[in-house]
Amino acid sequence: MKHTRLLIVVLAAWASMSSCEKMKDLEFINVANFGLDNLGFTKSVVRMSIAYYNPNGFNLKLKEADFDLFLNDVKVGHSSQDTLIYIPAKDTFYFPVKMEVDMSNVFKNALTALVSKEVTIKASGKCKVGKGGVFLPFPIKCETKQQLGLF
């Protein structure tokens, strides 16, 4: 009877440890579907989707994202999202973002962006990623160069 209990405890411990695989970092893919919902001289509303790949063999959930948006290293906006997003295992997912942008900082970059014909878009901040009701902080760090096809 003692050996049976010990065997059950060992098997339960082994099963719980093997299911707690170390989570790999989500991999930034790109910024997609960049668009303007409202264009103004002082503030504009921008929407985009940030694509990430989940290299883990298990599903995750993302919540409480809080980050800043930069154009050519100048902060132009901030976003706080409280939407719960389902992240499929070993697949790409899109994180929809909508934020107000301070146009005075965008205008500071306008001449440089037009001369160089591309702009560097960065997002930096944090969110919570987890599964089974346990959420851990995860950094948001992504950067991409966007070609400007104005001329």
Protein backbone atom coordinates (compact mmCIF):
# COMPACT_ATOMS: atom_id res chain seq x y z
CA MET A 1 0.00 0.00 0.00
CA LYS A 2 2.87 2.39 0.84
CA HIS A 3 4.58 1.61 -2.46
CA THR A 4 1.37 2.29 -4.39
CA ARG A 5 0.97 5.73 -2.78
CA LEU A 6 4.62 6.56 -3.43
CA LEU A 7 4.27 5.48 -7.06
CA ILE A 8 1.14 7.65 -7.48
CA VAL A 9 2.90 10.68 -5.94
CA VAL A 10 5.99 10.20 -8.17
CA LEU A 11 3.85 9.80 -11.31
CA ALA A 12 1.76 12.87 -10.44
CA ALA A 13 4.91 14.96 -9.84
CA TRP A 14 6.46 13.75 -13.10
CA ALA A 15 3.26 14.53 -15.06
CA SER A 16 2.96 18.02 -13.63
CA MET A 17 6.63 18.86 -14.26
CA SER A 18 6.58 17.56 -17.83
CA SER A 19 3.50 19.64 -18.66
CA CYS A 20 5.22 22.83 -17.43
CA GLU A 21 7.51 23.23 -20.41
CA LYS A 22 9.53 26.46 -20.33
CA MET A 23 7.83 29.11 -22.43
CA LYS A 24 9.80 30.39 -25.43
CA ASP A 25 9.63 34.06 -26.36
CA LEU A 26 7.13 35.11 -28.99
CA GLU A 27 8.87 36.13 -32.24
CA PHE A 28 8.06 39.45 -33.93
CA ILE A 29 7.19 39.04 -37.63
CA ASN A 30 6.04 42.44 -38.93
CA VAL A 31 3.60 45.32 -38.74
CA ALA A 32 0.65 44.79 -41.09
CA ASN A 33 -2.55 46.60 -42.06
CA PHE A 34 -1.23 50.04 -41.12
CA GLY A 35 -3.94 52.65 -41.61
CA LEU A 36 -5.48 55.90 -40.39
CA ASP A 37 -8.96 55.99 -38.86
CA ASN A 38 -8.97 59.72 -38.18
CA LEU A 39 -6.45 62.29 -39.47
CA GLY A 40 -6.01 65.55 -37.56
CA PHE A 41 -3.42 68.31 -37.17
CA THR A 42 -2.85 67.68 -33.44
CA LYS A 43 -3.96 64.06 -32.97
CA SER A 44 -4.74 61.19 -35.31
CA VAL A 45 -6.05 57.69 -34.71
CA VAL A 46 -3.87 54.94 -36.17
CA ARG A 47 -4.66 51.26 -36.48
CA MET A 48 -2.34 48.39 -37.29
CA SER A 49 -1.82 44.71 -36.64
CA ILE A 50 1.41 43.43 -35.12
CA ALA A 51 2.19 39.89 -36.27
CA TYR A 52 3.97 37.51 -33.89
CA TYR A 53 4.82 33.81 -34.12
CA ASN A 54 4.27 31.48 -31.15
CA PRO A 55 7.08 28.85 -31.24
CA ASN A 56 5.61 27.00 -28.25
CA GLY A 57 3.78 23.70 -28.60
CA PHE A 58 0.89 25.02 -26.52
CA ASN A 59 -1.74 27.74 -26.81
CA LEU A 60 -1.35 30.99 -24.89
CA LYS A 61 -3.39 34.07 -24.06
CA LEU A 62 -2.25 37.70 -24.16
CA LYS A 63 -3.77 40.49 -22.05
CA GLU A 64 -3.10 43.96 -20.69
CA ALA A 65 -0.72 45.31 -23.34
CA ASP A 66 0.80 48.73 -22.64
CA PHE A 67 3.35 50.17 -25.09
CA ASP A 68 4.74 53.24 -26.87
CA LEU A 69 5.05 53.73 -30.63
CA PHE A 70 8.11 55.40 -32.13
CA LEU A 71 8.79 56.73 -35.64
CA ASN A 72 12.52 57.14 -36.29
CA ASP A 73 13.16 56.94 -32.52
CA VAL A 74 10.71 59.77 -31.68
CA LYS A 75 7.75 58.79 -29.47
CA VAL A 76 4.54 59.53 -31.35
CA GLY A 77 1.91 57.57 -29.45
CA HIS A 78 0.93 55.29 -26.59
CA SER A 79 -1.50 52.39 -26.48
CA SER A 80 -3.13 50.50 -23.63
CA GLN A 81 -5.08 47.41 -24.65
CA ASP A 82 -7.11 45.28 -22.26
CA THR A 83 -8.45 42.79 -24.83
CA LEU A 84 -7.79 39.09 -24.24
CA ILE A 85 -6.20 37.55 -27.36
CA TYR A 86 -5.99 33.83 -28.07
CA ILE A 87 -2.51 32.73 -29.32
CA PRO A 88 -2.46 29.41 -31.20
CA ALA A 89 0.41 26.95 -30.73
CA LYS A 90 3.18 26.99 -33.36
CA ASP A 91 1.37 29.58 -35.46
CA THR A 92 1.30 33.28 -36.34
CA PHE A 93 -1.22 35.56 -34.67
CA TYR A 94 -2.10 39.21 -35.17
CA PHE A 95 -2.39 41.67 -32.31
CA PRO A 96 -4.76 44.51 -33.35
CA VAL A 97 -3.71 47.97 -32.16
CA LYS A 98 -5.58 51.27 -32.20
CA MET A 99 -3.93 54.37 -30.74
CA GLU A 100 -3.95 58.14 -30.69
CA VAL A 101 -0.85 59.64 -32.27
CA ASP A 102 0.62 63.03 -31.37
CA MET A 103 0.95 64.63 -34.82
CA SER A 104 3.42 67.30 -33.64
CA ASN A 105 6.02 64.56 -33.16
CA VAL A 106 5.10 63.01 -36.52
CA PHE A 107 5.61 66.37 -38.26
CA LYS A 108 9.09 66.62 -36.69
CA ASN A 109 10.01 63.46 -38.62
CA ALA A 110 8.21 64.31 -41.85
CA LEU A 111 11.12 65.94 -43.71
CA THR A 112 13.62 63.25 -42.65
CA ALA A 113 11.19 60.51 -43.67
CA LEU A 114 10.50 62.08 -47.07
CA VAL A 115 14.22 62.48 -47.81
CA SER A 116 15.12 58.94 -46.74
CA LYS A 117 11.92 57.45 -48.31
CA GLU A 118 11.50 55.05 -45.39
CA VAL A 119 10.58 55.27 -41.74
CA THR A 120 11.54 53.03 -38.81
CA ILE A 121 8.52 51.98 -36.76
CA LYS A 122 9.15 50.66 -33.23
CA ALA A 123 6.86 49.47 -30.48
CA SER A 124 8.21 49.09 -26.96
CA GLY A 125 6.39 48.17 -23.78
CA LYS A 126 4.96 45.22 -21.91
CA CYS A 127 2.03 42.82 -21.79
CA LYS A 128 0.99 39.71 -19.91
CA VAL A 129 1.15 36.29 -21.57
CA GLY A 130 0.01 33.07 -19.98
CA LYS A 131 -2.00 29.90 -19.92
CA GLY A 132 -4.19 28.14 -17.41
CA GLY A 133 -4.99 31.40 -15.61
CA VAL A 134 -1.30 32.16 -14.84
CA PHE A 135 -0.02 35.27 -16.64
CA LEU A 136 3.59 36.48 -16.68
CA PRO A 137 5.01 39.81 -17.88
CA PHE A 138 6.36 39.74 -21.44
CA PRO A 139 8.24 42.59 -23.15
CA ILE A 140 6.91 44.06 -26.38
CA LYS A 141 9.86 44.88 -28.61
CA CYS A 142 9.40 45.11 -32.33
CA GLU A 143 10.94 47.17 -35.09
CA THR A 144 10.40 47.38 -38.82
CA LYS A 145 11.28 49.70 -41.67
CA GLN A 146 8.38 50.92 -43.79
CA GLN A 147 8.95 52.18 -47.33
CA LEU A 148 7.16 55.40 -48.18
CA GLY A 149 5.74 55.28 -51.68
CA LEU A 150 4.70 58.91 -51.92
CA PHE A 151 6.80 59.86 -54.95
